[in-house]
Amino acid sequence: MKKILIIMIFALLAGCASKEPPFDAVAVFKEAEKNMRAESFEKARKGYQEIQEKSPDKSYDADLMLRIADTYYGEEQYSEAQVEYQAFLNYHPVHRDAAYAQYQIGMCSYKDLTTFDRDPAPAHAVIREMQKVLEKYPKSGYEDQARKYISICTDWVAEYELYVARFYYKKGSYQAAVGRCEKLLRDYPDTRSEKDALYYAGLSYRELGEKDLARARFETLAQKYPAMKKTALYNIEKLHLP
């Protein structure tokens, strides 16, 4: 009996010794916040994720999800950040920080922009996501910034269309050049590229023998852009219209 009692005591002590201290989510969170402020984003993210894993009730905690997204953004891992911001919105569409998450989704695409002769998909994405900021969160405080990036990317896409139009014109593909110029004039009016689009549309129409259309574009160029009036009138004269 005494032997059995001793065995039980040792087993109990061994069990107590093997027990880990309780997980302190508050302490881990404080340390993660400290790392976040120091821009040690990977360390911060590991802390936030540890809380998610070890505190089941915190798995989809809004603040943790948003902070994890911010760590990826801070590391310039914009694709990963975009996924996390979208996950946050999926679970917390009416959260006080929903507008911020939506804005950051747009900024992730903006950070992927390179030069205007590359794929315009990121610019289109910025316009689309920033429009959501204006439509879904009209009084969020992000409206001015959203409009700013919509304007920047609208100019960017117009510049891309002009780049392609010039390429076709120089190649002698005048119909394709006209198509790009007219798309720019229709979809992106009053952008920085409109002036050149009118000019190349006029030149391309002239090469195609569409003199009336060419004159119309040169006349618009002269009216809207006085600095180009001399050039526009010169090209109209070259059309030899009655």
Protein backbone atom coordinates (compact mmCIF):
# COMPACT_ATOMS: atom_id res chain seq x y z
CA MET A 1 0.00 0.00 0.00
CA LYS A 2 2.83 2.35 0.95
CA LYS A 3 4.62 1.51 -2.31
CA ILE A 4 1.50 2.30 -4.33
CA LEU A 5 1.10 5.63 -2.49
CA ILE A 6 4.70 6.62 -3.29
CA ILE A 7 4.18 5.77 -6.98
CA MET A 8 1.04 7.91 -7.06
CA ILE A 9 2.85 10.86 -5.45
CA PHE A 10 5.69 10.64 -8.00
CA ALA A 11 3.20 10.42 -10.85
CA LEU A 12 1.39 13.51 -9.55
CA LEU A 13 4.63 15.44 -9.20
CA ALA A 14 5.73 14.41 -12.68
CA GLY A 15 2.40 15.57 -14.07
CA CYS A 16 2.74 18.93 -12.37
CA ALA A 17 6.30 19.33 -13.60
CA SER A 18 5.30 18.61 -17.21
CA LYS A 19 2.49 21.18 -17.25
CA GLU A 20 3.30 24.29 -19.27
CA PRO A 21 2.51 27.70 -17.78
CA PRO A 22 -0.80 29.10 -19.02
CA PHE A 23 -0.63 31.03 -22.29
CA ASP A 24 -0.54 34.77 -21.61
CA ALA A 25 -2.23 36.33 -24.65
CA VAL A 26 -1.96 39.83 -23.22
CA ALA A 27 1.82 39.59 -22.80
CA VAL A 28 2.26 38.14 -26.28
CA PHE A 29 0.10 40.89 -27.74
CA LYS A 30 2.11 43.61 -25.98
CA GLU A 31 5.35 42.13 -27.31
CA ALA A 32 3.89 41.90 -30.83
CA GLU A 33 2.81 45.55 -30.64
CA LYS A 34 6.32 46.50 -29.54
CA ASN A 35 7.76 44.66 -32.54
CA MET A 36 5.20 46.32 -34.81
CA ARG A 37 6.27 49.78 -33.67
CA ALA A 38 9.90 48.80 -34.25
CA GLU A 39 8.95 47.60 -37.76
CA SER A 40 10.02 44.06 -36.92
CA PHE A 41 7.06 42.89 -38.94
CA GLU A 42 7.82 39.17 -39.07
CA LYS A 43 8.24 38.95 -35.28
CA ALA A 44 5.06 40.94 -34.78
CA ARG A 45 3.14 38.69 -37.15
CA LYS A 46 4.31 35.55 -35.37
CA GLY A 47 3.01 36.98 -32.11
CA TYR A 48 -0.40 37.84 -33.54
CA GLN A 49 -0.65 34.42 -35.19
CA GLU A 50 0.31 32.69 -31.95
CA ILE A 51 -2.60 34.39 -30.22
CA GLN A 52 -4.91 33.22 -33.01
CA GLU A 53 -3.67 29.66 -32.67
CA LYS A 54 -3.63 29.38 -28.88
CA SER A 55 -6.71 31.46 -28.12
CA PRO A 56 -9.50 29.93 -30.23
CA ASP A 57 -11.87 32.74 -29.34
CA LYS A 58 -9.39 35.12 -30.99
CA SER A 59 -9.06 33.19 -34.27
CA TYR A 60 -10.95 35.79 -36.26
CA ASP A 61 -10.45 38.75 -33.97
CA ALA A 62 -10.69 41.89 -36.13
CA ASP A 63 -7.72 43.68 -34.63
CA LEU A 64 -5.46 40.67 -35.01
CA MET A 65 -6.51 40.08 -38.62
CA LEU A 66 -5.88 43.70 -39.51
CA ARG A 67 -2.51 43.77 -37.79
CA ILE A 68 -1.39 40.65 -39.62
CA ALA A 69 -2.36 42.30 -42.91
CA ASP A 70 -0.39 45.40 -41.90
CA THR A 71 2.72 43.34 -41.20
CA TYR A 72 2.69 42.00 -44.76
CA TYR A 73 2.13 45.51 -46.10
CA GLY A 74 5.02 46.79 -44.01
CA GLU A 75 7.25 44.09 -45.50
CA GLU A 76 6.12 45.11 -49.01
CA GLN A 77 4.54 41.71 -49.55
CA TYR A 78 1.56 43.32 -51.19
CA SER A 79 -0.11 40.22 -52.62
CA GLU A 80 -0.18 38.58 -49.19
CA ALA A 81 -1.35 41.80 -47.58
CA GLN A 82 -4.19 42.14 -50.08
CA VAL A 83 -5.40 38.62 -49.28
CA GLU A 84 -5.39 39.39 -45.55
CA TYR A 85 -7.19 42.73 -45.92
CA GLN A 86 -9.85 41.02 -48.02
CA ALA A 87 -10.21 38.26 -45.40
CA PHE A 88 -10.71 40.96 -42.79
CA LEU A 89 -13.50 42.52 -44.88
CA ASN A 90 -15.10 39.12 -45.45
CA TYR A 91 -15.42 38.57 -41.70
CA HIS A 92 -15.89 42.17 -40.59
CA PRO A 93 -17.63 44.13 -43.40
CA VAL A 94 -19.08 46.77 -41.06
CA HIS A 95 -16.15 47.09 -38.67
CA ARG A 96 -14.94 50.58 -37.79
CA ASP A 97 -11.74 49.86 -39.76
CA ALA A 98 -13.47 48.37 -42.82
CA ALA A 99 -12.87 51.53 -44.86
CA TYR A 100 -9.17 51.40 -43.99
CA ALA A 101 -8.95 47.76 -45.12
CA GLN A 102 -10.69 48.58 -48.39
CA TYR A 103 -8.37 51.53 -48.96
CA GLN A 104 -5.34 49.34 -48.27
CA ILE A 105 -6.52 46.80 -50.83
CA GLY A 106 -6.37 49.58 -53.40
CA MET A 107 -2.95 50.66 -52.17
CA CYS A 108 -1.60 47.12 -52.55
CA SER A 109 -2.44 47.28 -56.26
CA TYR A 110 -1.00 50.78 -56.50
CA LYS A 111 2.30 49.51 -55.10
CA ASP A 112 2.40 46.96 -57.93
CA LEU A 113 2.43 49.68 -60.61
CA THR A 114 5.62 49.94 -62.59
CA THR A 115 5.85 51.92 -65.86
CA PHE A 116 2.97 52.78 -68.19
CA ASP A 117 4.27 50.46 -70.92
CA ARG A 118 3.53 47.44 -68.71
CA ASP A 119 0.36 45.53 -67.87
CA PRO A 120 -2.36 48.06 -66.89
CA ALA A 121 -4.22 45.52 -64.72
CA PRO A 122 -2.90 46.95 -61.40
CA ALA A 123 -4.00 50.46 -62.40
CA HIS A 124 -7.47 49.21 -63.27
CA ALA A 125 -7.55 47.40 -59.91
CA VAL A 126 -6.65 50.60 -58.05
CA ILE A 127 -9.48 52.49 -59.76
CA ARG A 128 -11.93 49.68 -59.00
CA GLU A 129 -10.95 49.28 -55.34
CA MET A 130 -10.79 53.02 -54.62
CA GLN A 131 -14.24 53.41 -56.17
CA LYS A 132 -15.44 50.92 -53.57
CA VAL A 133 -14.06 53.21 -50.85
CA LEU A 134 -16.17 56.08 -52.22
CA GLU A 135 -19.29 53.97 -52.72
CA LYS A 136 -19.27 51.83 -49.58
CA TYR A 137 -17.66 54.23 -47.10
CA PRO A 138 -18.63 57.76 -48.23
CA LYS A 139 -17.82 59.42 -44.89
CA SER A 140 -14.79 57.42 -43.89
CA GLY A 141 -12.14 60.12 -44.17
CA TYR A 142 -10.43 58.27 -47.03
CA GLU A 143 -12.41 59.97 -49.80
CA ASP A 144 -9.81 62.54 -50.81
CA GLN A 145 -7.01 59.98 -50.93
CA ALA A 146 -9.20 57.57 -52.88
CA ARG A 147 -10.00 60.26 -55.47
CA LYS A 148 -6.33 61.16 -55.69
CA TYR A 149 -5.30 57.61 -56.60
CA ILE A 150 -8.24 57.19 -58.97
CA SER A 151 -7.02 60.29 -60.81
CA ILE A 152 -3.40 59.11 -60.85
CA CYS A 153 -4.33 55.70 -62.20
CA THR A 154 -6.80 57.05 -64.73
CA ASP A 155 -3.95 59.13 -66.16
CA TRP A 156 -1.74 56.04 -66.00
CA VAL A 157 -4.19 53.90 -68.00
CA ALA A 158 -4.69 56.71 -70.54
CA GLU A 159 -0.91 56.94 -70.95
CA TYR A 160 -0.82 53.19 -71.56
CA GLU A 161 -3.49 53.48 -74.26
CA LEU A 162 -1.50 56.29 -75.90
CA TYR A 163 1.67 54.21 -75.76
CA VAL A 164 -0.07 51.39 -77.63
CA ALA A 165 -1.65 53.84 -80.12
CA ARG A 166 1.77 55.29 -80.94
CA PHE A 167 3.17 51.80 -81.37
CA TYR A 168 0.47 50.95 -83.91
CA TYR A 169 0.88 54.27 -85.71
CA LYS A 170 4.63 53.85 -86.10
CA LYS A 171 4.04 50.30 -87.28
CA GLY A 172 1.61 51.53 -89.94
CA SER A 173 -1.40 49.85 -88.34
CA TYR A 174 -3.52 52.99 -88.58
CA GLN A 175 -6.88 51.37 -87.92
CA ALA A 176 -5.58 49.86 -84.70
CA ALA A 177 -4.05 53.23 -83.77
CA VAL A 178 -7.40 54.94 -84.32
CA GLY A 179 -9.11 52.34 -82.14
CA ARG A 180 -6.76 53.00 -79.24
CA CYS A 181 -6.97 56.78 -79.60
CA GLU A 182 -10.75 56.76 -79.74
CA LYS A 183 -10.92 54.46 -76.71
CA LEU A 184 -8.72 56.90 -74.80
CA LEU A 185 -10.83 59.90 -75.87
CA ARG A 186 -14.06 58.12 -74.94
CA ASP A 187 -13.05 56.48 -71.65
CA TYR A 188 -10.42 58.87 -70.31
CA PRO A 189 -11.34 62.42 -71.39
CA ASP A 190 -9.46 65.41 -69.97
CA THR A 191 -6.44 63.32 -68.99
CA ARG A 192 -2.87 64.37 -69.74
CA SER A 193 -2.85 62.07 -72.77
CA GLU A 194 -5.95 63.50 -74.46
CA LYS A 195 -3.96 66.11 -76.41
CA ASP A 196 -1.67 63.50 -78.00
CA ALA A 197 -4.58 61.13 -78.59
CA LEU A 198 -6.36 63.81 -80.65
CA TYR A 199 -3.17 64.42 -82.61
CA TYR A 200 -2.49 60.76 -83.40
CA ALA A 201 -6.14 60.12 -84.16
CA GLY A 202 -6.00 62.93 -86.73
CA LEU A 203 -2.81 61.58 -88.28
CA SER A 204 -4.16 58.03 -88.41
CA TYR A 205 -7.46 59.09 -89.98
CA ARG A 206 -5.50 61.02 -92.61
CA GLU A 207 -3.46 57.93 -93.45
CA LEU A 208 -6.70 55.95 -93.77
CA GLY A 209 -8.13 58.53 -96.15
CA GLU A 210 -10.79 59.61 -93.64
CA LYS A 211 -10.18 63.33 -94.16
CA ASP A 212 -13.36 64.61 -92.51
CA LEU A 213 -12.68 62.61 -89.37
CA ALA A 214 -9.08 63.76 -89.40
CA ARG A 215 -10.15 67.40 -89.65
CA ALA A 216 -12.63 66.94 -86.79
CA ARG A 217 -9.89 65.66 -84.52
CA PHE A 218 -7.45 68.41 -85.47
CA GLU A 219 -10.12 71.06 -84.96
CA THR A 220 -10.86 69.71 -81.48
CA LEU A 221 -7.14 69.72 -80.76
CA ALA A 222 -6.90 73.40 -81.77
CA GLN A 223 -9.94 74.37 -79.69
CA LYS A 224 -9.05 72.55 -76.48
CA TYR A 225 -5.29 73.08 -76.55
CA PRO A 226 -4.31 76.54 -77.81
CA ALA A 227 -0.61 75.67 -77.62
CA MET A 228 -1.26 73.02 -80.30
CA LYS A 229 -3.35 75.30 -82.56
CA LYS A 230 -0.54 76.01 -85.04
CA THR A 231 0.24 72.31 -85.39
CA ALA A 232 -3.44 71.43 -85.77
CA LEU A 233 -4.07 74.08 -88.46
CA TYR A 234 -0.96 72.98 -90.34
CA ASN A 235 -2.25 69.41 -90.46
CA ILE A 236 -5.70 70.55 -91.54
CA GLU A 237 -4.13 72.41 -94.47
CA LYS A 238 -2.30 69.25 -95.46
CA LEU A 239 -5.64 67.49 -95.86
CA HIS A 240 -6.37 69.66 -98.96
CA LEU A 241 -10.07 69.78 -98.22
CA PRO A 242 -12.34 72.06 -100.23
